[in-house]
Amino acid sequence: MSDSAVSEEPRRVYDPDSEHNFPDEKLNAVLEFIDADEEIQTYLEAQNVNAVDRMQYNDHGAKHIEIVRNRALCLYDLLKASDVDFNGARQQGLSEEDESVIIAFAATLHDIGHLVHRDEHAYYSIPLASDVLDRVLPEFYDVAECVRMKGEILHAILCHHRSETPLTTEAGVIRVADALDMESGRSRIPYEHGGRGINTLSSQAIKRVSLYEGETRPVMVEIAMTNAAGVYQVDNLLKAKLRGSGLADQIRIVAVNTNETHEQLVERIEL
């Protein structure tokens, strides 16, 4: 895939049956457990009530989690293909196979604080996720490993919030992946209910988000937009999160205006 083309290829999706650039056996077992776990799945449904039903924000429930986790694991796979160092698990004396598990759990549980309140939800996510991890991690790890895994997962959850700085590559992946749920109507920037402000217009302008192996950097994120308003979305959401993620030198962002029926104020921009 060239860094200069807009592709209509199927978007990159994490497939447990595919070959990956990392050991995936433990991750796939964890994903199967998560999808079958009643408590976790209930959290993913219940956490949307405050955000959507009560505050009329955009979706932060099961669909958001599915998108973020998929894109986090795809980001991880692409970065591993270029031998990017993941220091979270390594510095804790954990195994390489634990890097992806940290990412999967953090992506799954990062927004459960919405169950308490949308405002400052990242901080409410910590105690709720901690309780879940105390129950689930012993299914896969011994006591010492549970402590270390729990710390790394909670760090990644906390740092998806722009107010906190990721100290690990795993946490940086979660921060960026959260922002990648930005296709039409799914922006992480709250749009006005029934409004026509820039947040609303820009959130409708993003047609497709695609991840590719880059030529100049390990990852290229390609944003296809239907009008120039999408630049606001990319610049104020994705670029802002990427800047503080620790991955700015590893990820290239290219936004392309695909609307050929009107005069284009912006055809292509790299951020």
C-alpha atoms as a PDB file:
ATOM      1  CA  MET A   1       0.000   0.000   0.000  1.00  0.00           C
ATOM      2  CA  SER A   2       1.476   3.345  -1.052  1.00  0.00           C
ATOM      3  CA  ASP A   3       1.483   6.235   1.402  1.00  0.00           C
ATOM      4  CA  SER A   4      -0.003   8.437  -1.294  1.00  0.00           C
ATOM      5  CA  ALA A   5      -3.158   6.625  -2.372  1.00  0.00           C
ATOM      6  CA  VAL A   6      -6.709   6.342  -1.118  1.00  0.00           C
ATOM      7  CA  SER A   7      -7.594   2.660  -1.002  1.00  0.00           C
ATOM      8  CA  GLU A   8     -10.914   0.883  -1.196  1.00  0.00           C
ATOM      9  CA  GLU A   9      -9.373  -2.296   0.248  1.00  0.00           C
ATOM     10  CA  PRO A  10     -11.233  -3.889   3.185  1.00  0.00           C
ATOM     11  CA  ARG A  11     -10.281  -2.187   6.424  1.00  0.00           C
ATOM     12  CA  ARG A  12      -7.781  -3.845   8.705  1.00  0.00           C
ATOM     13  CA  VAL A  13      -9.455  -6.044  11.333  1.00  0.00           C
ATOM     14  CA  TYR A  14      -7.855  -8.141  14.058  1.00  0.00           C
ATOM     15  CA  ASP A  15      -8.555 -11.785  13.235  1.00  0.00           C
ATOM     16  CA  PRO A  16      -7.566 -14.350  15.896  1.00  0.00           C
ATOM     17  CA  ASP A  17      -7.070 -16.979  13.180  1.00  0.00           C
ATOM     18  CA  SER A  18      -4.575 -14.898  11.194  1.00  0.00           C
ATOM     19  CA  GLU A  19      -0.815 -14.832  11.641  1.00  0.00           C
ATOM     20  CA  HIS A  20       0.446 -11.864  13.625  1.00  0.00           C
ATOM     21  CA  ASN A  21       3.732 -10.156  14.361  1.00  0.00           C
ATOM     22  CA  PHE A  22       3.540 -11.226  18.013  1.00  0.00           C
ATOM     23  CA  PRO A  23       2.677 -14.332  20.042  1.00  0.00           C
ATOM     24  CA  ASP A  24      -1.133 -14.345  20.145  1.00  0.00           C
ATOM     25  CA  GLU A  25      -2.216 -17.546  21.909  1.00  0.00           C
ATOM     26  CA  LYS A  26      -2.795 -15.954  25.317  1.00  0.00           C
ATOM     27  CA  LEU A  27      -4.449 -12.886  23.786  1.00  0.00           C
ATOM     28  CA  ASN A  28      -6.929 -15.007  21.854  1.00  0.00           C
ATOM     29  CA  ALA A  29      -7.823 -16.948  25.000  1.00  0.00           C
ATOM     30  CA  VAL A  30      -8.364 -13.664  26.855  1.00  0.00           C
ATOM     31  CA  LEU A  31     -10.570 -12.271  24.070  1.00  0.00           C
ATOM     32  CA  GLU A  32     -12.707 -15.396  24.136  1.00  0.00           C
ATOM     33  CA  PHE A  33     -13.071 -15.085  27.918  1.00  0.00           C
ATOM     34  CA  ILE A  34     -14.014 -11.389  27.699  1.00  0.00           C
ATOM     35  CA  ASP A  35     -16.686 -11.968  25.067  1.00  0.00           C
ATOM     36  CA  ALA A  36     -18.297 -14.689  27.200  1.00  0.00           C
ATOM     37  CA  ASP A  37     -18.072 -12.860  30.546  1.00  0.00           C
ATOM     38  CA  GLU A  38     -21.478 -11.631  31.732  1.00  0.00           C
ATOM     39  CA  GLU A  39     -20.166  -8.926  34.060  1.00  0.00           C
ATOM     40  CA  ILE A  40     -17.885  -7.339  31.471  1.00  0.00           C
ATOM     41  CA  GLN A  41     -20.544  -7.433  28.765  1.00  0.00           C
ATOM     42  CA  THR A  42     -23.082  -5.856  31.125  1.00  0.00           C
ATOM     43  CA  TYR A  43     -20.655  -3.046  31.911  1.00  0.00           C
ATOM     44  CA  LEU A  44     -20.268  -2.348  28.194  1.00  0.00           C
ATOM     45  CA  GLU A  45     -24.027  -1.963  27.841  1.00  0.00           C
ATOM     46  CA  ALA A  46     -24.683  -0.100  31.081  1.00  0.00           C
ATOM     47  CA  GLN A  47     -21.862   2.425  30.622  1.00  0.00           C
ATOM     48  CA  ASN A  48     -23.696   3.912  27.641  1.00  0.00           C
ATOM     49  CA  VAL A  49     -26.739   5.054  29.639  1.00  0.00           C
ATOM     50  CA  ASN A  50     -25.160   8.169  31.162  1.00  0.00           C
ATOM     51  CA  ALA A  51     -23.313   9.129  27.997  1.00  0.00           C
ATOM     52  CA  VAL A  52     -26.070   8.592  25.422  1.00  0.00           C
ATOM     53  CA  ASP A  53     -29.478   8.377  27.107  1.00  0.00           C
ATOM     54  CA  ARG A  54     -28.938  10.998  29.802  1.00  0.00           C
ATOM     55  CA  MET A  55     -26.363  13.394  28.335  1.00  0.00           C
ATOM     56  CA  GLN A  56     -27.036  12.808  24.622  1.00  0.00           C
ATOM     57  CA  TYR A  57     -23.366  12.345  23.835  1.00  0.00           C
ATOM     58  CA  ASN A  58     -22.029   9.974  21.223  1.00  0.00           C
ATOM     59  CA  ASP A  59     -21.795   6.224  21.737  1.00  0.00           C
ATOM     60  CA  HIS A  60     -19.429   4.956  24.435  1.00  0.00           C
ATOM     61  CA  GLY A  61     -20.830   1.446  24.728  1.00  0.00           C
ATOM     62  CA  ALA A  62     -20.156  -1.980  23.279  1.00  0.00           C
ATOM     63  CA  LYS A  63     -19.742  -0.761  19.689  1.00  0.00           C
ATOM     64  CA  HIS A  64     -17.186   1.858  20.707  1.00  0.00           C
ATOM     65  CA  ILE A  65     -15.259  -0.756  22.670  1.00  0.00           C
ATOM     66  CA  GLU A  66     -15.316  -3.162  19.726  1.00  0.00           C
ATOM     67  CA  ILE A  67     -13.890  -0.488  17.418  1.00  0.00           C
ATOM     68  CA  VAL A  68     -11.239   0.736  19.859  1.00  0.00           C
ATOM     69  CA  ARG A  69     -10.047  -2.755  20.758  1.00  0.00           C
ATOM     70  CA  ASN A  70      -9.843  -3.795  17.128  1.00  0.00           C
ATOM     71  CA  ARG A  71      -7.881  -0.719  16.132  1.00  0.00           C
ATOM     72  CA  ALA A  72      -5.637  -0.946  19.183  1.00  0.00           C
ATOM     73  CA  LEU A  73      -4.674  -4.520  18.317  1.00  0.00           C
ATOM     74  CA  CYS A  74      -4.148  -3.634  14.663  1.00  0.00           C
ATOM     75  CA  LEU A  75      -1.958  -0.681  15.674  1.00  0.00           C
ATOM     76  CA  TYR A  76      -0.013  -2.984  17.975  1.00  0.00           C
ATOM     77  CA  ASP A  77       0.483  -5.544  15.207  1.00  0.00           C
ATOM     78  CA  LEU A  78       1.751  -2.918  12.760  1.00  0.00           C
ATOM     79  CA  LEU A  79       4.110  -1.413  15.329  1.00  0.00           C
ATOM     80  CA  LYS A  80       5.460  -4.840  16.262  1.00  0.00           C
ATOM     81  CA  ALA A  81       6.185  -5.502  12.589  1.00  0.00           C
ATOM     82  CA  SER A  82       8.617  -2.572  12.758  1.00  0.00           C
ATOM     83  CA  ASP A  83      10.145  -3.721  16.066  1.00  0.00           C
ATOM     84  CA  VAL A  84       8.787  -0.791  18.070  1.00  0.00           C
ATOM     85  CA  ASP A  85       9.609  -1.353  21.738  1.00  0.00           C
ATOM     86  CA  PHE A  86       6.729  -1.951  24.166  1.00  0.00           C
ATOM     87  CA  ASN A  87       8.131  -1.057  27.539  1.00  0.00           C
ATOM     88  CA  GLY A  88       5.116  -1.655  29.774  1.00  0.00           C
ATOM     89  CA  ALA A  89       5.266  -5.424  29.991  1.00  0.00           C
ATOM     90  CA  ARG A  90       9.058  -5.524  29.518  1.00  0.00           C
ATOM     91  CA  GLN A  91       9.865  -3.212  32.419  1.00  0.00           C
ATOM     92  CA  GLN A  92       7.575  -5.213  34.693  1.00  0.00           C
ATOM     93  CA  GLY A  93       9.409  -8.428  33.850  1.00  0.00           C
ATOM     94  CA  LEU A  94       6.387  -9.787  32.006  1.00  0.00           C
ATOM     95  CA  SER A  95       6.465 -11.669  28.699  1.00  0.00           C
ATOM     96  CA  GLU A  96       6.081 -10.365  25.171  1.00  0.00           C
ATOM     97  CA  GLU A  97       2.758 -12.204  24.935  1.00  0.00           C
ATOM     98  CA  ASP A  98       1.462 -10.017  27.781  1.00  0.00           C
ATOM     99  CA  GLU A  99       1.807  -6.774  25.796  1.00  0.00           C
ATOM    100  CA  SER A 100      -1.258  -7.502  23.684  1.00  0.00           C
ATOM    101  CA  VAL A 101      -3.213  -8.700  26.731  1.00  0.00           C
ATOM    102  CA  ILE A 102      -2.548  -5.367  28.470  1.00  0.00           C
ATOM    103  CA  ILE A 103      -3.833  -3.576  25.371  1.00  0.00           C
ATOM    104  CA  ALA A 104      -6.918  -5.785  25.040  1.00  0.00           C
ATOM    105  CA  PHE A 105      -7.997  -5.398  28.670  1.00  0.00           C
ATOM    106  CA  ALA A 106      -7.329  -1.645  28.689  1.00  0.00           C
ATOM    107  CA  ALA A 107      -9.280  -1.140  25.461  1.00  0.00           C
ATOM    108  CA  THR A 108     -12.183  -3.184  26.823  1.00  0.00           C
ATOM    109  CA  LEU A 109     -12.407  -1.457  30.206  1.00  0.00           C
ATOM    110  CA  HIS A 110     -11.240   2.099  29.489  1.00  0.00           C
ATOM    111  CA  ASP A 111     -14.720   3.662  29.473  1.00  0.00           C
ATOM    112  CA  ILE A 112     -16.569   1.751  32.196  1.00  0.00           C
ATOM    113  CA  GLY A 113     -16.333   4.852  34.399  1.00  0.00           C
ATOM    114  CA  HIS A 114     -19.207   6.236  32.347  1.00  0.00           C
ATOM    115  CA  LEU A 115     -21.372   4.013  34.533  1.00  0.00           C
ATOM    116  CA  VAL A 116     -20.758   6.568  37.308  1.00  0.00           C
ATOM    117  CA  HIS A 117     -20.622   9.770  35.236  1.00  0.00           C
ATOM    118  CA  ARG A 118     -19.469  10.974  31.835  1.00  0.00           C
ATOM    119  CA  ASP A 119     -17.510  13.838  33.419  1.00  0.00           C
ATOM    120  CA  GLU A 120     -14.055  12.713  34.619  1.00  0.00           C
ATOM    121  CA  HIS A 121     -14.981   9.171  33.618  1.00  0.00           C
ATOM    122  CA  ALA A 122     -11.356   8.024  33.225  1.00  0.00           C
ATOM    123  CA  TYR A 123     -10.874   8.361  36.978  1.00  0.00           C
ATOM    124  CA  TYR A 124     -14.048   6.408  37.769  1.00  0.00           C
ATOM    125  CA  SER A 125     -12.904   3.690  35.375  1.00  0.00           C
ATOM    126  CA  ILE A 126      -9.922   2.873  37.600  1.00  0.00           C
ATOM    127  CA  PRO A 127     -11.726   1.391  40.650  1.00  0.00           C
ATOM    128  CA  LEU A 128     -14.348  -0.348  38.512  1.00  0.00           C
ATOM    129  CA  ALA A 129     -11.755  -1.895  36.215  1.00  0.00           C
ATOM    130  CA  SER A 130      -9.647  -2.833  39.219  1.00  0.00           C
ATOM    131  CA  ASP A 131     -12.485  -4.952  40.617  1.00  0.00           C
ATOM    132  CA  VAL A 132     -12.985  -6.696  37.283  1.00  0.00           C
ATOM    133  CA  LEU A 133      -9.267  -7.388  36.914  1.00  0.00           C
ATOM    134  CA  ASP A 134      -9.042  -8.814  40.445  1.00  0.00           C
ATOM    135  CA  ARG A 135     -11.559 -11.426  39.384  1.00  0.00           C
ATOM    136  CA  VAL A 136     -10.386 -12.124  35.839  1.00  0.00           C
ATOM    137  CA  LEU A 137      -6.587 -11.939  35.854  1.00  0.00           C
ATOM    138  CA  PRO A 138      -6.132 -14.969  38.166  1.00  0.00           C
ATOM    139  CA  GLU A 139      -7.653 -17.048  35.371  1.00  0.00           C
ATOM    140  CA  PHE A 140      -4.452 -16.417  33.379  1.00  0.00           C
ATOM    141  CA  TYR A 141      -1.693 -15.315  35.804  1.00  0.00           C
ATOM    142  CA  ASP A 142      -0.135 -16.087  39.170  1.00  0.00           C
ATOM    143  CA  VAL A 143      -0.314 -13.593  42.054  1.00  0.00           C
ATOM    144  CA  ALA A 144       2.821 -11.597  41.232  1.00  0.00           C
ATOM    145  CA  GLU A 145       1.949 -11.432  37.555  1.00  0.00           C
ATOM    146  CA  CYS A 146      -1.580 -10.282  38.398  1.00  0.00           C
ATOM    147  CA  VAL A 147      -0.213  -7.313  40.356  1.00  0.00           C
ATOM    148  CA  ARG A 148       2.054  -6.248  37.516  1.00  0.00           C
ATOM    149  CA  MET A 149      -0.528  -6.783  34.791  1.00  0.00           C
ATOM    150  CA  LYS A 150      -3.140  -4.895  36.773  1.00  0.00           C
ATOM    151  CA  GLY A 151      -0.859  -1.884  37.176  1.00  0.00           C
ATOM    152  CA  GLU A 152      -0.068  -1.729  33.475  1.00  0.00           C
ATOM    153  CA  ILE A 153      -3.693  -2.105  32.408  1.00  0.00           C
ATOM    154  CA  LEU A 154      -4.903   0.583  34.816  1.00  0.00           C
ATOM    155  CA  HIS A 155      -2.133   2.926  33.644  1.00  0.00           C
ATOM    156  CA  ALA A 156      -3.261   2.496  30.034  1.00  0.00           C
ATOM    157  CA  ILE A 157      -6.902   3.069  31.011  1.00  0.00           C
ATOM    158  CA  LEU A 158      -6.092   6.270  32.896  1.00  0.00           C
ATOM    159  CA  CYS A 159      -3.925   7.666  30.103  1.00  0.00           C
ATOM    160  CA  HIS A 160      -6.562   7.435  27.389  1.00  0.00           C
ATOM    161  CA  HIS A 161      -7.634  10.725  28.992  1.00  0.00           C
ATOM    162  CA  ARG A 162      -5.673  13.647  27.526  1.00  0.00           C
ATOM    163  CA  SER A 163      -4.972  15.070  30.982  1.00  0.00           C
ATOM    164  CA  GLU A 164      -2.608  12.190  31.810  1.00  0.00           C
ATOM    165  CA  THR A 165       0.665  11.336  30.050  1.00  0.00           C
ATOM    166  CA  PRO A 166       1.254   7.743  28.909  1.00  0.00           C
ATOM    167  CA  LEU A 167       4.498   6.299  30.254  1.00  0.00           C
ATOM    168  CA  THR A 168       4.326   3.096  28.212  1.00  0.00           C
ATOM    169  CA  THR A 169       3.898   2.264  24.543  1.00  0.00           C
ATOM    170  CA  GLU A 170       0.918   0.082  25.438  1.00  0.00           C
ATOM    171  CA  ALA A 171      -0.831   3.091  27.000  1.00  0.00           C
ATOM    172  CA  GLY A 172       0.017   5.222  23.962  1.00  0.00           C
ATOM    173  CA  VAL A 173      -1.688   2.694  21.697  1.00  0.00           C
ATOM    174  CA  ILE A 174      -4.901   2.919  23.764  1.00  0.00           C
ATOM    175  CA  ARG A 175      -4.826   6.717  23.646  1.00  0.00           C
ATOM    176  CA  VAL A 176      -4.541   6.773  19.851  1.00  0.00           C
ATOM    177  CA  ALA A 177      -7.000   3.913  19.253  1.00  0.00           C
ATOM    178  CA  ASP A 178      -9.678   5.702  21.285  1.00  0.00           C
ATOM    179  CA  ALA A 179      -9.459   8.664  18.920  1.00  0.00           C
ATOM    180  CA  LEU A 180      -9.661   6.421  15.843  1.00  0.00           C
ATOM    181  CA  ASP A 181     -13.365   5.798  16.472  1.00  0.00           C
ATOM    182  CA  MET A 182     -14.221   8.895  14.454  1.00  0.00           C
ATOM    183  CA  GLU A 183     -16.111   7.819  11.362  1.00  0.00           C
ATOM    184  CA  SER A 184     -19.361   9.586  10.498  1.00  0.00           C
ATOM    185  CA  GLY A 185     -21.309  10.351  13.671  1.00  0.00           C
ATOM    186  CA  ARG A 186     -18.884   8.459  15.926  1.00  0.00           C
ATOM    187  CA  SER A 187     -16.485  11.251  16.854  1.00  0.00           C
ATOM    188  CA  ARG A 188     -14.961  11.267  20.335  1.00  0.00           C
ATOM    189  CA  ILE A 189     -15.592  15.036  20.301  1.00  0.00           C
ATOM    190  CA  PRO A 190     -19.157  15.408  21.600  1.00  0.00           C
ATOM    191  CA  TYR A 191     -21.429  16.744  18.888  1.00  0.00           C
ATOM    192  CA  GLU A 192     -24.394  18.978  19.592  1.00  0.00           C
ATOM    193  CA  HIS A 193     -27.690  17.096  19.684  1.00  0.00           C
ATOM    194  CA  GLY A 194     -29.630  18.343  16.680  1.00  0.00           C
ATOM    195  CA  GLY A 195     -27.117  21.139  16.174  1.00  0.00           C
ATOM    196  CA  ARG A 196     -25.137  22.393  13.185  1.00  0.00           C
ATOM    197  CA  GLY A 197     -21.959  23.539  14.959  1.00  0.00           C
ATOM    198  CA  ILE A 198     -18.438  22.636  13.849  1.00  0.00           C
ATOM    199  CA  ASN A 199     -18.336  19.559  16.104  1.00  0.00           C
ATOM    200  CA  THR A 200     -21.498  18.190  14.503  1.00  0.00           C
ATOM    201  CA  LEU A 201     -20.515  19.037  10.934  1.00  0.00           C
ATOM    202  CA  SER A 202     -16.995  17.691  11.285  1.00  0.00           C
ATOM    203  CA  SER A 203     -18.171  14.478  12.955  1.00  0.00           C
ATOM    204  CA  GLN A 204     -20.324  13.746   9.913  1.00  0.00           C
ATOM    205  CA  ALA A 205     -17.510  14.457   7.444  1.00  0.00           C
ATOM    206  CA  ILE A 206     -15.299  11.438   8.187  1.00  0.00           C
ATOM    207  CA  LYS A 207     -16.193   8.641   5.782  1.00  0.00           C
ATOM    208  CA  ARG A 208     -13.533   6.051   6.573  1.00  0.00           C
ATOM    209  CA  VAL A 209     -10.561   5.462   8.859  1.00  0.00           C
ATOM    210  CA  SER A 210      -8.011   2.937   7.590  1.00  0.00           C
ATOM    211  CA  LEU A 211      -4.749   1.609   9.020  1.00  0.00           C
ATOM    212  CA  TYR A 212      -1.886   0.520   6.797  1.00  0.00           C
ATOM    213  CA  GLU A 213       1.740  -0.430   7.002  1.00  0.00           C
ATOM    214  CA  GLY A 214       3.526   2.800   6.165  1.00  0.00           C
ATOM    215  CA  GLU A 215       6.533   3.383   3.966  1.00  0.00           C
ATOM    216  CA  THR A 216       8.036   6.279   5.904  1.00  0.00           C
ATOM    217  CA  ARG A 217       6.747   5.295   9.367  1.00  0.00           C
ATOM    218  CA  PRO A 218       5.496   1.982  10.798  1.00  0.00           C
ATOM    219  CA  VAL A 219       1.837   3.025  10.567  1.00  0.00           C
ATOM    220  CA  MET A 220      -0.158   5.194   8.219  1.00  0.00           C
ATOM    221  CA  VAL A 221      -3.629   6.301   9.308  1.00  0.00           C
ATOM    222  CA  GLU A 222      -5.649   7.341   6.283  1.00  0.00           C
ATOM    223  CA  ILE A 223      -8.730   9.500   6.871  1.00  0.00           C
ATOM    224  CA  ALA A 224     -11.205   9.736   3.987  1.00  0.00           C
ATOM    225  CA  MET A 225     -13.508  12.738   4.435  1.00  0.00           C
ATOM    226  CA  THR A 226     -16.412  14.041   2.386  1.00  0.00           C
ATOM    227  CA  ASN A 227     -15.753  17.744   3.012  1.00  0.00           C
ATOM    228  CA  ALA A 228     -13.180  20.079   4.506  1.00  0.00           C
ATOM    229  CA  ALA A 229     -14.968  20.199   7.886  1.00  0.00           C
ATOM    230  CA  GLY A 230     -13.358  16.838   8.619  1.00  0.00           C
ATOM    231  CA  VAL A 231     -10.012  18.588   9.051  1.00  0.00           C
ATOM    232  CA  TYR A 232     -11.310  20.067  12.315  1.00  0.00           C
ATOM    233  CA  GLN A 233     -12.153  16.589  13.558  1.00  0.00           C
ATOM    234  CA  VAL A 234      -8.743  15.176  12.669  1.00  0.00           C
ATOM    235  CA  ASP A 235      -6.773  18.149  13.961  1.00  0.00           C
ATOM    236  CA  ASN A 236      -8.665  18.592  17.238  1.00  0.00           C
ATOM    237  CA  LEU A 237      -9.125  14.924  18.082  1.00  0.00           C
ATOM    238  CA  LEU A 238      -6.651  12.531  16.520  1.00  0.00           C
ATOM    239  CA  LYS A 239      -3.677  14.869  16.199  1.00  0.00           C
ATOM    240  CA  ALA A 240      -4.151  16.120  19.760  1.00  0.00           C
ATOM    241  CA  LYS A 241      -4.196  12.594  21.176  1.00  0.00           C
ATOM    242  CA  LEU A 242      -1.313  11.444  19.010  1.00  0.00           C
ATOM    243  CA  ARG A 243       0.828  14.379  20.135  1.00  0.00           C
ATOM    244  CA  GLY A 244       0.780  13.211  23.749  1.00  0.00           C
ATOM    245  CA  SER A 245       0.863   9.471  23.101  1.00  0.00           C
ATOM    246  CA  GLY A 246       4.599   8.923  22.664  1.00  0.00           C
ATOM    247  CA  LEU A 247       3.860   7.493  19.196  1.00  0.00           C
ATOM    248  CA  ALA A 248       3.969  10.676  17.115  1.00  0.00           C
ATOM    249  CA  ASP A 249       7.168   9.566  15.376  1.00  0.00           C
ATOM    250  CA  GLN A 250       5.700   6.142  14.543  1.00  0.00           C
ATOM    251  CA  ILE A 251       2.331   7.110  13.024  1.00  0.00           C
ATOM    252  CA  ARG A 252       1.638   9.196   9.930  1.00  0.00           C
ATOM    253  CA  ILE A 253      -1.802  10.773   9.480  1.00  0.00           C
ATOM    254  CA  VAL A 254      -3.076  11.607   6.005  1.00  0.00           C
ATOM    255  CA  ALA A 255      -6.542  13.095   5.453  1.00  0.00           C
ATOM    256  CA  VAL A 256      -7.985  13.029   1.931  1.00  0.00           C
ATOM    257  CA  ASN A 257     -11.130  14.763   0.660  1.00  0.00           C
ATOM    258  CA  THR A 258     -12.996  12.178  -1.425  1.00  0.00           C
ATOM    259  CA  ASN A 259     -15.892  14.430  -2.464  1.00  0.00           C
ATOM    260  CA  GLU A 260     -15.582  14.877  -6.232  1.00  0.00           C
ATOM    261  CA  THR A 261     -18.967  16.549  -6.793  1.00  0.00           C
ATOM    262  CA  HIS A 262     -18.170  19.929  -5.227  1.00  0.00           C
ATOM    263  CA  GLU A 263     -15.289  22.376  -5.306  1.00  0.00           C
ATOM    264  CA  GLN A 264     -12.723  21.147  -2.814  1.00  0.00           C
ATOM    265  CA  LEU A 265     -11.228  23.684  -0.446  1.00  0.00           C
ATOM    266  CA  VAL A 266      -8.984  20.919   0.902  1.00  0.00           C
ATOM    267  CA  GLU A 267      -7.945  17.956  -1.218  1.00  0.00           C
ATOM    268  CA  ARG A 268      -5.263  16.407   0.947  1.00  0.00           C
ATOM    269  CA  ILE A 269      -3.574  17.317   4.203  1.00  0.00           C
ATOM    270  CA  GLU A 270      -0.942  15.612   6.299  1.00  0.00           C
ATOM    271  CA  LEU A 271      -1.038  16.182  10.048  1.00  0.00           C
END
